[in-house]
Amino acid sequence: MSIGALDAINAYGRTLTSLPGVDHLGPAEETVAPVATSATAPGTFVAGSFGNIVQTMVGDTAATLRTAEAESAKQVTGKGDLIDVVTAVGAAGSALNTIVAVRDRMVNAYSEIMRMQI
C-alpha cells in the first residue's frame, strides 16, 4: 500500500479540523479595537490586554501556517509556484519562531514569579 503526498495532506487537514479548540485559532478582530491618538498612527490597532495580544498572535501564526500548507499542497499537485511556497514557508517559520520565543519568555517570567518570596 503506497501513501501519496496528497493523501497525507488530506489526513493532516482532517486531523486539524477535528481537534477541539482549533476553531478559535483564526484572527481575532473582535478583540482588537482601532485607536487613533496622538501616540499612535491613524488606523493602528492596539489590543486591550496581553491576553488579547497573545490570542491575536496565535491566530495570525495559525493562519500563516495554513497558508504555507496550502501553498505546499498546490506545489505538490503542480499548480503552485515554487517562489510562493518558499515565501509562505519562510513567513510561517518566522511567525512560529516568534510565538515560541514569546512562549519561552512567558514561561520564564512565570517561573521567576513563582520563585519570589512573599
N, C-alpha and C. Protein backbone atom coordinates (compact mmCIF):
# COMPACT_ATOMS: atom_id res chain seq x y z
N MET A 1 0.85 -1.18 0.00
CA MET A 1 0.00 0.00 0.00
C MET A 1 0.89 1.24 0.00
N SER A 2 0.71 2.09 -0.97
CA SER A 2 1.50 3.31 -1.01
C SER A 2 0.62 4.50 -0.61
N ILE A 3 1.23 5.42 0.08
CA ILE A 3 0.53 6.62 0.53
C ILE A 3 1.09 7.79 -0.26
N GLY A 4 0.22 8.48 -0.98
CA GLY A 4 0.65 9.63 -1.76
C GLY A 4 0.75 10.87 -0.89
N ALA A 5 1.41 11.88 -1.40
CA ALA A 5 1.57 13.13 -0.66
C ALA A 5 0.23 13.79 -0.40
N LEU A 6 -0.66 13.75 -1.37
CA LEU A 6 -1.98 14.36 -1.18
C LEU A 6 -2.80 13.62 -0.13
N ASP A 7 -2.65 12.29 -0.06
CA ASP A 7 -3.34 11.54 0.98
C ASP A 7 -2.88 11.97 2.36
N ALA A 8 -1.58 12.16 2.50
CA ALA A 8 -1.05 12.60 3.79
C ALA A 8 -1.52 14.00 4.14
N ILE A 9 -1.55 14.89 3.15
CA ILE A 9 -2.00 16.25 3.39
C ILE A 9 -3.47 16.27 3.77
N ASN A 10 -4.29 15.49 3.08
CA ASN A 10 -5.71 15.42 3.40
C ASN A 10 -5.95 14.85 4.79
N ALA A 11 -5.21 13.83 5.16
CA ALA A 11 -5.35 13.25 6.50
C ALA A 11 -4.95 14.27 7.57
N TYR A 12 -3.89 14.99 7.31
CA TYR A 12 -3.45 16.02 8.25
C TYR A 12 -4.51 17.10 8.40
N GLY A 13 -5.11 17.51 7.28
CA GLY A 13 -6.16 18.52 7.33
C GLY A 13 -7.38 18.04 8.10
N ARG A 14 -7.76 16.78 7.91
CA ARG A 14 -8.90 16.24 8.66
C ARG A 14 -8.60 16.18 10.15
N THR A 15 -7.36 15.87 10.50
CA THR A 15 -6.97 15.83 11.90
C THR A 15 -7.06 17.21 12.53
N LEU A 16 -6.58 18.22 11.82
CA LEU A 16 -6.62 19.59 12.35
C LEU A 16 -8.05 20.06 12.58
N THR A 17 -8.95 19.75 11.66
CA THR A 17 -10.32 20.24 11.81
C THR A 17 -11.07 19.49 12.89
N SER A 18 -10.62 18.28 13.24
CA SER A 18 -11.32 17.52 14.26
C SER A 18 -10.81 17.80 15.67
N LEU A 19 -9.72 18.53 15.80
CA LEU A 19 -9.18 18.83 17.13
C LEU A 19 -10.07 19.84 17.84
N PRO A 20 -10.33 19.62 19.14
CA PRO A 20 -11.13 20.60 19.88
C PRO A 20 -10.36 21.89 20.07
N GLY A 21 -11.03 23.00 19.91
CA GLY A 21 -10.41 24.29 20.15
C GLY A 21 -9.70 24.89 18.96
N VAL A 22 -9.68 24.19 17.83
CA VAL A 22 -8.97 24.71 16.67
C VAL A 22 -9.75 25.86 16.05
N ASP A 23 -11.09 25.86 16.20
CA ASP A 23 -11.90 26.90 15.59
C ASP A 23 -11.52 28.29 16.07
N HIS A 24 -11.06 28.43 17.30
CA HIS A 24 -10.76 29.75 17.84
C HIS A 24 -9.39 30.27 17.46
N LEU A 25 -8.65 29.53 16.62
CA LEU A 25 -7.30 29.96 16.27
C LEU A 25 -7.26 30.95 15.12
N GLY A 26 -8.41 31.31 14.57
CA GLY A 26 -8.43 32.27 13.48
C GLY A 26 -8.16 33.66 13.99
N PRO A 27 -8.01 34.63 13.10
CA PRO A 27 -7.76 36.00 13.52
C PRO A 27 -8.89 36.51 14.41
N ALA A 28 -8.51 37.23 15.44
CA ALA A 28 -9.48 37.69 16.44
C ALA A 28 -9.68 39.19 16.30
N GLU A 29 -10.38 39.60 15.24
CA GLU A 29 -10.58 41.02 15.02
C GLU A 29 -11.47 41.64 16.08
N GLU A 30 -12.39 40.83 16.67
CA GLU A 30 -13.31 41.40 17.62
C GLU A 30 -12.64 41.78 18.94
N THR A 31 -11.44 41.27 19.19
CA THR A 31 -10.76 41.60 20.44
C THR A 31 -9.82 42.79 20.29
N VAL A 32 -9.72 43.32 19.10
CA VAL A 32 -8.81 44.42 18.85
C VAL A 32 -9.63 45.61 18.35
N ALA A 33 -9.40 46.77 18.92
CA ALA A 33 -10.15 47.95 18.52
C ALA A 33 -9.22 48.97 17.89
N PRO A 34 -9.65 49.63 16.81
CA PRO A 34 -8.81 50.66 16.21
C PRO A 34 -8.74 51.87 17.12
N VAL A 35 -7.54 52.38 17.30
CA VAL A 35 -7.34 53.54 18.16
C VAL A 35 -6.51 54.55 17.39
N ALA A 36 -6.96 55.79 17.36
CA ALA A 36 -6.19 56.86 16.72
C ALA A 36 -6.00 57.97 17.74
N THR A 37 -4.82 58.00 18.32
CA THR A 37 -4.48 59.04 19.29
C THR A 37 -3.20 59.70 18.83
N SER A 38 -2.76 60.65 19.61
CA SER A 38 -1.52 61.33 19.24
C SER A 38 -0.32 60.40 19.38
N ALA A 39 -0.44 59.34 20.21
CA ALA A 39 0.68 58.43 20.42
C ALA A 39 0.77 57.37 19.33
N THR A 40 -0.36 57.11 18.64
CA THR A 40 -0.34 56.09 17.61
C THR A 40 -0.76 56.69 16.28
N ALA A 41 -0.35 56.04 15.23
CA ALA A 41 -0.72 56.50 13.90
C ALA A 41 -2.18 56.15 13.63
N PRO A 42 -2.87 56.90 12.80
CA PRO A 42 -4.25 56.58 12.47
C PRO A 42 -4.36 55.20 11.86
N GLY A 43 -5.35 54.43 12.32
CA GLY A 43 -5.55 53.09 11.79
C GLY A 43 -4.73 52.03 12.49
N THR A 44 -3.91 52.40 13.46
CA THR A 44 -3.11 51.44 14.20
C THR A 44 -4.02 50.69 15.16
N PHE A 45 -3.84 49.38 15.25
CA PHE A 45 -4.66 48.58 16.13
C PHE A 45 -3.92 48.33 17.43
N VAL A 46 -4.57 48.62 18.54
CA VAL A 46 -3.98 48.43 19.86
C VAL A 46 -4.88 47.47 20.62
N ALA A 47 -4.32 46.39 21.13
CA ALA A 47 -5.10 45.41 21.87
C ALA A 47 -5.35 45.89 23.28
N GLY A 48 -6.44 45.41 23.89
CA GLY A 48 -6.83 45.85 25.22
C GLY A 48 -6.04 45.20 26.33
N SER A 49 -5.52 43.99 26.14
CA SER A 49 -4.80 43.32 27.20
C SER A 49 -3.74 42.40 26.59
N PHE A 50 -2.88 41.90 27.45
CA PHE A 50 -1.83 41.00 27.00
C PHE A 50 -2.43 39.72 26.44
N GLY A 51 -3.50 39.24 27.05
CA GLY A 51 -4.17 38.04 26.56
C GLY A 51 -4.68 38.22 25.15
N ASN A 52 -5.22 39.40 24.85
CA ASN A 52 -5.70 39.68 23.50
C ASN A 52 -4.56 39.72 22.51
N ILE A 53 -3.44 40.26 22.93
CA ILE A 53 -2.26 40.31 22.05
C ILE A 53 -1.79 38.90 21.72
N VAL A 54 -1.70 38.05 22.74
CA VAL A 54 -1.26 36.67 22.53
C VAL A 54 -2.26 35.92 21.65
N GLN A 55 -3.55 36.12 21.91
CA GLN A 55 -4.57 35.45 21.11
C GLN A 55 -4.47 35.86 19.65
N THR A 56 -4.26 37.13 19.40
CA THR A 56 -4.12 37.62 18.03
C THR A 56 -2.87 37.05 17.39
N MET A 57 -1.76 36.99 18.13
CA MET A 57 -0.52 36.43 17.58
C MET A 57 -0.70 34.96 17.22
N VAL A 58 -1.36 34.20 18.08
CA VAL A 58 -1.58 32.78 17.81
C VAL A 58 -2.47 32.61 16.59
N GLY A 59 -3.51 33.43 16.50
CA GLY A 59 -4.40 33.36 15.34
C GLY A 59 -3.69 33.69 14.04
N ASP A 60 -2.88 34.74 14.07
CA ASP A 60 -2.12 35.13 12.88
C ASP A 60 -1.11 34.06 12.49
N THR A 61 -0.47 33.45 13.48
CA THR A 61 0.50 32.39 13.21
C THR A 61 -0.19 31.18 12.61
N ALA A 62 -1.34 30.82 13.16
CA ALA A 62 -2.09 29.67 12.62
C ALA A 62 -2.50 29.94 11.18
N ALA A 63 -2.93 31.15 10.89
CA ALA A 63 -3.31 31.49 9.52
C ALA A 63 -2.11 31.43 8.59
N THR A 64 -0.96 31.89 9.06
CA THR A 64 0.26 31.84 8.26
C THR A 64 0.68 30.39 7.99
N LEU A 65 0.55 29.53 9.00
CA LEU A 65 0.89 28.12 8.82
C LEU A 65 -0.06 27.46 7.84
N ARG A 66 -1.36 27.78 7.93
CA ARG A 66 -2.32 27.22 6.98
C ARG A 66 -2.01 27.67 5.55
N THR A 67 -1.62 28.93 5.39
CA THR A 67 -1.26 29.43 4.07
C THR A 67 -0.05 28.68 3.52
N ALA A 68 0.94 28.45 4.36
CA ALA A 68 2.13 27.70 3.92
C ALA A 68 1.77 26.28 3.52
N GLU A 69 0.88 25.65 4.29
CA GLU A 69 0.44 24.29 3.95
C GLU A 69 -0.31 24.28 2.62
N ALA A 70 -1.16 25.27 2.41
CA ALA A 70 -1.93 25.34 1.16
C ALA A 70 -1.00 25.55 -0.03
N GLU A 71 -0.02 26.43 0.12
CA GLU A 71 0.94 26.67 -0.97
C GLU A 71 1.76 25.42 -1.25
N SER A 72 2.14 24.70 -0.20
CA SER A 72 2.90 23.45 -0.38
C SER A 72 2.06 22.41 -1.11
N ALA A 73 0.78 22.32 -0.74
CA ALA A 73 -0.11 21.35 -1.39
C ALA A 73 -0.29 21.70 -2.87
N LYS A 74 -0.41 23.00 -3.17
CA LYS A 74 -0.53 23.40 -4.57
C LYS A 74 0.73 23.04 -5.35
N GLN A 75 1.89 23.19 -4.73
CA GLN A 75 3.15 22.86 -5.40
C GLN A 75 3.25 21.36 -5.65
N VAL A 76 2.80 20.56 -4.68
CA VAL A 76 2.85 19.11 -4.84
C VAL A 76 1.99 18.66 -6.02
N THR A 77 0.84 19.31 -6.19
CA THR A 77 -0.05 18.94 -7.29
C THR A 77 0.39 19.56 -8.62
N GLY A 78 1.39 20.41 -8.59
CA GLY A 78 1.90 21.03 -9.81
C GLY A 78 1.18 22.31 -10.19
N LYS A 79 0.35 22.83 -9.31
CA LYS A 79 -0.42 24.03 -9.61
C LYS A 79 0.16 25.29 -8.97
N GLY A 80 1.18 25.13 -8.14
CA GLY A 80 1.73 26.27 -7.42
C GLY A 80 3.09 26.68 -7.95
N ASP A 81 3.52 27.85 -7.49
CA ASP A 81 4.81 28.39 -7.88
C ASP A 81 5.79 28.17 -6.73
N LEU A 82 6.98 27.75 -7.03
CA LEU A 82 7.98 27.44 -6.01
C LEU A 82 8.33 28.67 -5.18
N ILE A 83 8.35 29.84 -5.80
CA ILE A 83 8.67 31.07 -5.07
C ILE A 83 7.61 31.36 -4.02
N ASP A 84 6.33 31.12 -4.37
CA ASP A 84 5.26 31.32 -3.40
C ASP A 84 5.39 30.36 -2.22
N VAL A 85 5.79 29.13 -2.51
CA VAL A 85 5.96 28.14 -1.44
C VAL A 85 7.09 28.56 -0.51
N VAL A 86 8.21 28.96 -1.07
CA VAL A 86 9.36 29.36 -0.26
C VAL A 86 9.02 30.58 0.59
N THR A 87 8.31 31.55 0.00
CA THR A 87 7.92 32.75 0.74
C THR A 87 6.97 32.40 1.87
N ALA A 88 5.97 31.56 1.58
CA ALA A 88 4.99 31.20 2.61
C ALA A 88 5.63 30.38 3.73
N VAL A 89 6.50 29.47 3.39
CA VAL A 89 7.17 28.65 4.41
C VAL A 89 8.11 29.52 5.25
N GLY A 90 8.79 30.46 4.62
CA GLY A 90 9.65 31.38 5.37
C GLY A 90 8.86 32.24 6.34
N ALA A 91 7.72 32.76 5.89
CA ALA A 91 6.87 33.56 6.77
C ALA A 91 6.32 32.72 7.91
N ALA A 92 5.93 31.48 7.60
CA ALA A 92 5.42 30.59 8.64
C ALA A 92 6.50 30.25 9.66
N GLY A 93 7.71 30.00 9.19
CA GLY A 93 8.81 29.71 10.11
C GLY A 93 9.13 30.89 11.01
N SER A 94 9.12 32.07 10.44
CA SER A 94 9.38 33.27 11.22
C SER A 94 8.29 33.50 12.27
N ALA A 95 7.03 33.33 11.86
CA ALA A 95 5.92 33.50 12.80
C ALA A 95 5.97 32.46 13.91
N LEU A 96 6.29 31.23 13.56
CA LEU A 96 6.37 30.17 14.57
C LEU A 96 7.52 30.42 15.54
N ASN A 97 8.66 30.88 15.03
CA ASN A 97 9.78 31.21 15.91
C ASN A 97 9.42 32.33 16.87
N THR A 98 8.66 33.31 16.40
CA THR A 98 8.24 34.42 17.26
C THR A 98 7.33 33.91 18.37
N ILE A 99 6.36 33.07 18.02
CA ILE A 99 5.43 32.52 19.02
C ILE A 99 6.19 31.69 20.04
N VAL A 100 7.13 30.89 19.61
CA VAL A 100 7.90 30.06 20.53
C VAL A 100 8.74 30.94 21.46
N ALA A 101 9.32 32.02 20.94
CA ALA A 101 10.10 32.92 21.78
C ALA A 101 9.22 33.61 22.82
N VAL A 102 8.02 34.02 22.42
CA VAL A 102 7.09 34.66 23.37
C VAL A 102 6.68 33.65 24.43
N ARG A 103 6.39 32.43 24.01
CA ARG A 103 6.03 31.39 24.98
C ARG A 103 7.14 31.14 25.99
N ASP A 104 8.38 31.04 25.49
CA ASP A 104 9.51 30.80 26.38
C ASP A 104 9.67 31.95 27.38
N ARG A 105 9.51 33.18 26.90
CA ARG A 105 9.62 34.33 27.81
C ARG A 105 8.51 34.32 28.85
N MET A 106 7.30 33.93 28.45
CA MET A 106 6.19 33.87 29.40
C MET A 106 6.43 32.79 30.45
N VAL A 107 6.93 31.64 30.04
CA VAL A 107 7.22 30.56 30.98
C VAL A 107 8.32 30.99 31.94
N ASN A 108 9.36 31.65 31.43
CA ASN A 108 10.44 32.13 32.30
C ASN A 108 9.94 33.18 33.28
N ALA A 109 9.07 34.08 32.83
CA ALA A 109 8.52 35.09 33.72
C ALA A 109 7.67 34.44 34.79
N TYR A 110 6.86 33.46 34.42
CA TYR A 110 6.03 32.76 35.40
C TYR A 110 6.91 32.04 36.42
N SER A 111 7.98 31.40 35.96
CA SER A 111 8.89 30.71 36.87
C SER A 111 9.54 31.69 37.84
N GLU A 112 9.93 32.86 37.34
CA GLU A 112 10.51 33.89 38.21
C GLU A 112 9.52 34.33 39.27
N ILE A 113 8.30 34.55 38.87
CA ILE A 113 7.27 34.99 39.83
C ILE A 113 7.04 33.91 40.88
N MET A 114 7.01 32.66 40.47
CA MET A 114 6.80 31.58 41.42
C MET A 114 7.97 31.43 42.39
N ARG A 115 9.16 31.84 42.00
CA ARG A 115 10.32 31.75 42.89
C ARG A 115 10.41 32.90 43.87
N MET A 116 9.62 33.96 43.66
CA MET A 116 9.67 35.11 44.55
C MET A 116 9.16 34.75 45.94
N GLN A 117 9.83 35.32 46.92
CA GLN A 117 9.36 35.09 48.29
C GLN A 117 8.28 36.11 48.62
N ILE A 118 7.33 35.64 49.40
CA ILE A 118 6.22 36.53 49.78
C ILE A 118 6.53 37.20 51.10
